[in-house]
Amino acid sequence: MPAGISVAIPEFGKLPGTAMPDVVEQIRRVIEWAGQNAGSFGYDAGNLHMVGHSAGAHLAATTATADRSPGTVRSLACISGIYNLIPVMLSARRHYVYLSPQEILRLSPLRHLQNLTCKTSVFFAEGDSMEFKRQSQVFVDSLETAGKLFFSRRFVANHYDVLDMLDSPESLLSCALRQVALAT
């Protein structure tokens, strides 16, 4: 990568074939593995940054706020994610996302900010759905109140175009992520 940043894109189980708690555990184990094996790939285990988009932002935030967080992550960047599952479970998704009331609360990162130990940035797109924008803004406000927000930015893009910004190292999102990584 041009900025000296190595990228790992893990594969993980998909809903509904894999239960959401199991997917979160898969992500936690990937981060833990990356920290334990960093040296063999030539990167610094103390310089891991987690970035997720959409469902990946939810998984990254849930992993970072879990009771058993991997602990090796220096920063978290969430792009157009969902951070409270209660509204999600009131939608049509409840027909294929099977969670108990306890799991809904446990897997809602907004409810566990006290567990967050890394600098956190939130990015979202002006063209995201109303619920994505609402949840992103609530997450930003809650992180700010908790003193855990590092950076936030809303981009003029839609839910998918915002991720396409990473194709260019000079895009606003790429520059913002680079600044977050270098500042931590």
Protein backbone atom coordinates (compact mmCIF):
# COMPACT_ATOMS: atom_id res chain seq x y z
CA MET A 1 0.00 0.00 0.00
CA PRO A 2 1.30 3.49 -0.82
CA ALA A 3 1.25 4.84 2.76
CA GLY A 4 3.04 1.82 4.19
CA ILE A 5 -0.25 0.38 5.38
CA SER A 6 -0.88 -3.34 5.11
CA VAL A 7 -4.46 -4.49 4.62
CA ALA A 8 -6.12 -7.75 5.62
CA ILE A 9 -9.66 -8.48 4.49
CA PRO A 10 -11.01 -11.41 6.49
CA GLU A 11 -13.66 -13.80 5.28
CA PHE A 12 -16.43 -14.48 7.79
CA GLY A 13 -19.69 -16.37 7.98
CA LYS A 14 -22.79 -14.80 6.47
CA LEU A 15 -26.26 -14.51 7.97
CA PRO A 16 -28.50 -16.42 8.28
CA GLY A 17 -26.24 -19.46 7.79
CA THR A 18 -23.97 -18.30 10.60
CA ALA A 19 -25.39 -16.79 13.79
CA MET A 20 -24.38 -13.16 14.38
CA PRO A 21 -22.67 -13.90 17.74
CA ASP A 22 -20.52 -16.47 15.91
CA VAL A 23 -19.61 -13.93 13.20
CA VAL A 24 -18.54 -11.42 15.87
CA GLU A 25 -16.40 -14.11 17.49
CA GLN A 26 -14.83 -14.90 14.09
CA ILE A 27 -13.85 -11.24 13.68
CA ARG A 28 -12.45 -11.11 17.23
CA ARG A 29 -10.32 -14.19 16.53
CA VAL A 30 -9.06 -12.71 13.22
CA ILE A 31 -7.90 -9.54 14.99
CA GLU A 32 -6.31 -11.58 17.76
CA TRP A 33 -4.57 -13.79 15.16
CA ALA A 34 -3.35 -10.73 13.23
CA GLY A 35 -1.80 -9.33 16.39
CA GLN A 36 -0.13 -12.62 17.29
CA ASN A 37 1.23 -13.19 13.77
CA ALA A 38 2.09 -9.62 12.76
CA GLY A 39 5.83 -10.14 12.82
CA SER A 40 5.74 -13.01 10.36
CA PHE A 41 4.07 -10.68 7.84
CA GLY A 42 6.42 -7.78 8.51
CA TYR A 43 4.05 -5.45 10.30
CA ASP A 44 3.86 -4.06 13.81
CA ALA A 45 1.41 -5.87 16.11
CA GLY A 46 1.03 -2.64 18.08
CA ASN A 47 -0.17 -0.77 15.02
CA LEU A 48 -3.39 -2.57 14.04
CA HIS A 49 -6.35 -0.51 12.87
CA MET A 50 -9.81 -1.91 12.22
CA VAL A 51 -12.03 -0.49 9.46
CA GLY A 52 -15.50 -1.69 8.54
CA HIS A 53 -18.23 -0.60 6.14
CA SER A 54 -21.98 -1.21 6.53
CA ALA A 55 -22.41 -4.61 8.23
CA GLY A 56 -18.62 -4.64 8.56
CA ALA A 57 -18.79 -1.37 10.54
CA HIS A 58 -21.28 -3.01 12.89
CA LEU A 59 -19.05 -6.08 13.27
CA ALA A 60 -15.94 -3.96 13.85
CA ALA A 61 -17.67 -1.74 16.42
CA THR A 62 -19.22 -4.76 18.14
CA THR A 63 -15.83 -6.47 18.31
CA ALA A 64 -14.15 -3.34 19.68
CA THR A 65 -16.81 -2.84 22.37
CA ALA A 66 -17.15 -6.48 23.44
CA ASP A 67 -16.23 -7.67 26.92
CA ARG A 68 -13.54 -9.78 25.26
CA SER A 69 -12.20 -7.25 22.77
CA PRO A 70 -8.99 -8.33 21.04
CA GLY A 71 -7.12 -5.50 22.77
CA THR A 72 -4.52 -5.00 20.04
CA VAL A 73 -6.46 -2.49 17.93
CA ARG A 74 -5.16 1.11 18.03
CA SER A 75 -8.03 2.67 16.12
CA LEU A 76 -11.47 1.84 14.82
CA ALA A 77 -13.00 3.47 11.74
CA CYS A 78 -16.67 2.78 11.09
CA ILE A 79 -18.09 3.67 7.69
CA SER A 80 -21.88 3.85 7.26
CA GLY A 81 -22.73 1.29 9.92
CA ILE A 82 -25.47 0.25 12.30
CA TYR A 83 -24.70 0.53 16.00
CA ASN A 84 -28.00 -0.28 17.72
CA LEU A 85 -29.77 -3.49 16.68
CA ILE A 86 -33.14 -2.71 18.29
CA PRO A 87 -34.45 -0.74 15.27
CA VAL A 88 -32.98 -3.36 12.92
CA MET A 89 -34.94 -6.09 14.67
CA LEU A 90 -38.13 -4.09 14.15
CA SER A 91 -37.58 -4.23 10.38
CA ALA A 92 -37.98 -7.07 7.88
CA ARG A 93 -34.48 -8.24 8.87
CA ARG A 94 -36.01 -9.88 11.95
CA HIS A 95 -37.15 -12.66 9.60
CA TYR A 96 -33.57 -13.78 8.92
CA VAL A 97 -31.50 -12.28 11.75
CA TYR A 98 -32.32 -14.49 14.69
CA LEU A 99 -31.29 -12.92 17.99
CA SER A 100 -32.56 -13.22 21.53
CA PRO A 101 -33.37 -9.98 23.39
CA GLN A 102 -30.11 -10.42 25.34
CA GLU A 103 -28.11 -10.86 22.12
CA ILE A 104 -29.70 -7.76 20.61
CA LEU A 105 -28.41 -5.71 23.54
CA ARG A 106 -25.02 -7.45 23.70
CA LEU A 107 -24.42 -6.98 19.96
CA SER A 108 -25.38 -3.29 19.93
CA PRO A 109 -22.05 -1.44 20.26
CA LEU A 110 -23.79 1.82 21.15
CA ARG A 111 -24.64 0.23 24.51
CA HIS A 112 -21.05 -0.76 25.36
CA LEU A 113 -18.92 2.32 24.74
CA GLN A 114 -17.36 1.92 28.20
CA ASN A 115 -15.46 -1.10 26.80
CA LEU A 116 -13.96 0.88 23.92
CA THR A 117 -10.20 1.30 24.37
CA CYS A 118 -9.12 2.55 20.93
CA LYS A 119 -9.55 5.85 19.12
CA THR A 120 -12.74 5.71 17.11
CA SER A 121 -13.74 7.56 13.96
CA VAL A 122 -17.10 7.47 12.22
CA PHE A 123 -17.71 8.22 8.56
CA PHE A 124 -21.00 8.15 6.71
CA ALA A 125 -22.52 9.21 3.43
CA GLU A 126 -25.05 11.92 2.78
CA GLY A 127 -26.79 9.42 0.49
CA ASP A 128 -27.08 6.70 3.16
CA SER A 129 -30.60 5.67 4.15
CA MET A 130 -32.22 7.71 6.90
CA GLU A 131 -31.59 4.91 9.43
CA PHE A 132 -27.89 4.63 8.58
CA LYS A 133 -27.51 8.40 8.87
CA ARG A 134 -29.50 8.52 12.12
CA GLN A 135 -27.54 5.68 13.69
CA SER A 136 -24.22 7.14 12.57
CA GLN A 137 -25.08 10.53 14.06
CA VAL A 138 -26.28 8.98 17.34
CA PHE A 139 -23.05 6.94 17.48
CA VAL A 140 -20.97 10.08 16.84
CA ASP A 141 -22.85 12.02 19.53
CA SER A 142 -22.55 9.17 22.04
CA LEU A 143 -18.84 8.71 21.37
CA GLU A 144 -18.30 12.44 21.73
CA THR A 145 -20.19 12.51 25.05
CA ALA A 146 -18.12 9.55 26.29
CA GLY A 147 -14.90 11.29 25.22
CA LYS A 148 -14.10 8.49 22.78
CA LEU A 149 -14.64 10.16 19.40
CA PHE A 150 -11.45 10.84 17.50
CA PHE A 151 -12.85 12.07 14.18
CA SER A 152 -16.09 12.08 12.21
CA ARG A 153 -17.01 13.13 8.72
CA ARG A 154 -20.05 13.00 6.46
CA PHE A 155 -19.27 12.57 2.76
CA VAL A 156 -21.26 13.59 -0.30
CA ALA A 157 -21.75 10.07 -1.63
CA ASN A 158 -24.19 7.19 -1.36
CA HIS A 159 -23.86 4.09 0.81
CA TYR A 160 -21.72 2.25 -1.76
CA ASP A 161 -19.85 5.15 -3.37
CA VAL A 162 -18.38 6.11 -0.01
CA LEU A 163 -16.48 2.81 0.05
CA ASP A 164 -15.39 3.28 -3.58
CA MET A 165 -13.50 6.35 -2.36
CA LEU A 166 -10.86 3.94 -1.03
CA ASP A 167 -9.90 3.14 -4.64
CA SER A 168 -7.98 6.41 -4.72
CA PRO A 169 -5.24 7.11 -2.17
CA GLU A 170 -5.97 10.83 -2.63
CA SER A 171 -9.71 10.67 -1.88
CA LEU A 172 -11.04 12.41 1.20
CA LEU A 173 -11.82 9.08 2.89
CA SER A 174 -8.40 7.59 2.13
CA CYS A 175 -6.69 10.72 3.46
CA ALA A 176 -8.88 10.73 6.57
CA LEU A 177 -8.14 7.06 7.31
CA ARG A 178 -4.43 7.66 6.78
CA GLN A 179 -4.51 10.61 9.19
CA VAL A 180 -6.33 8.49 11.79
CA ALA A 181 -3.76 5.69 11.47
CA LEU A 182 -0.79 8.05 11.66
CA ALA A 183 -2.21 10.03 14.59
CA THR A 184 -2.72 7.08 16.89
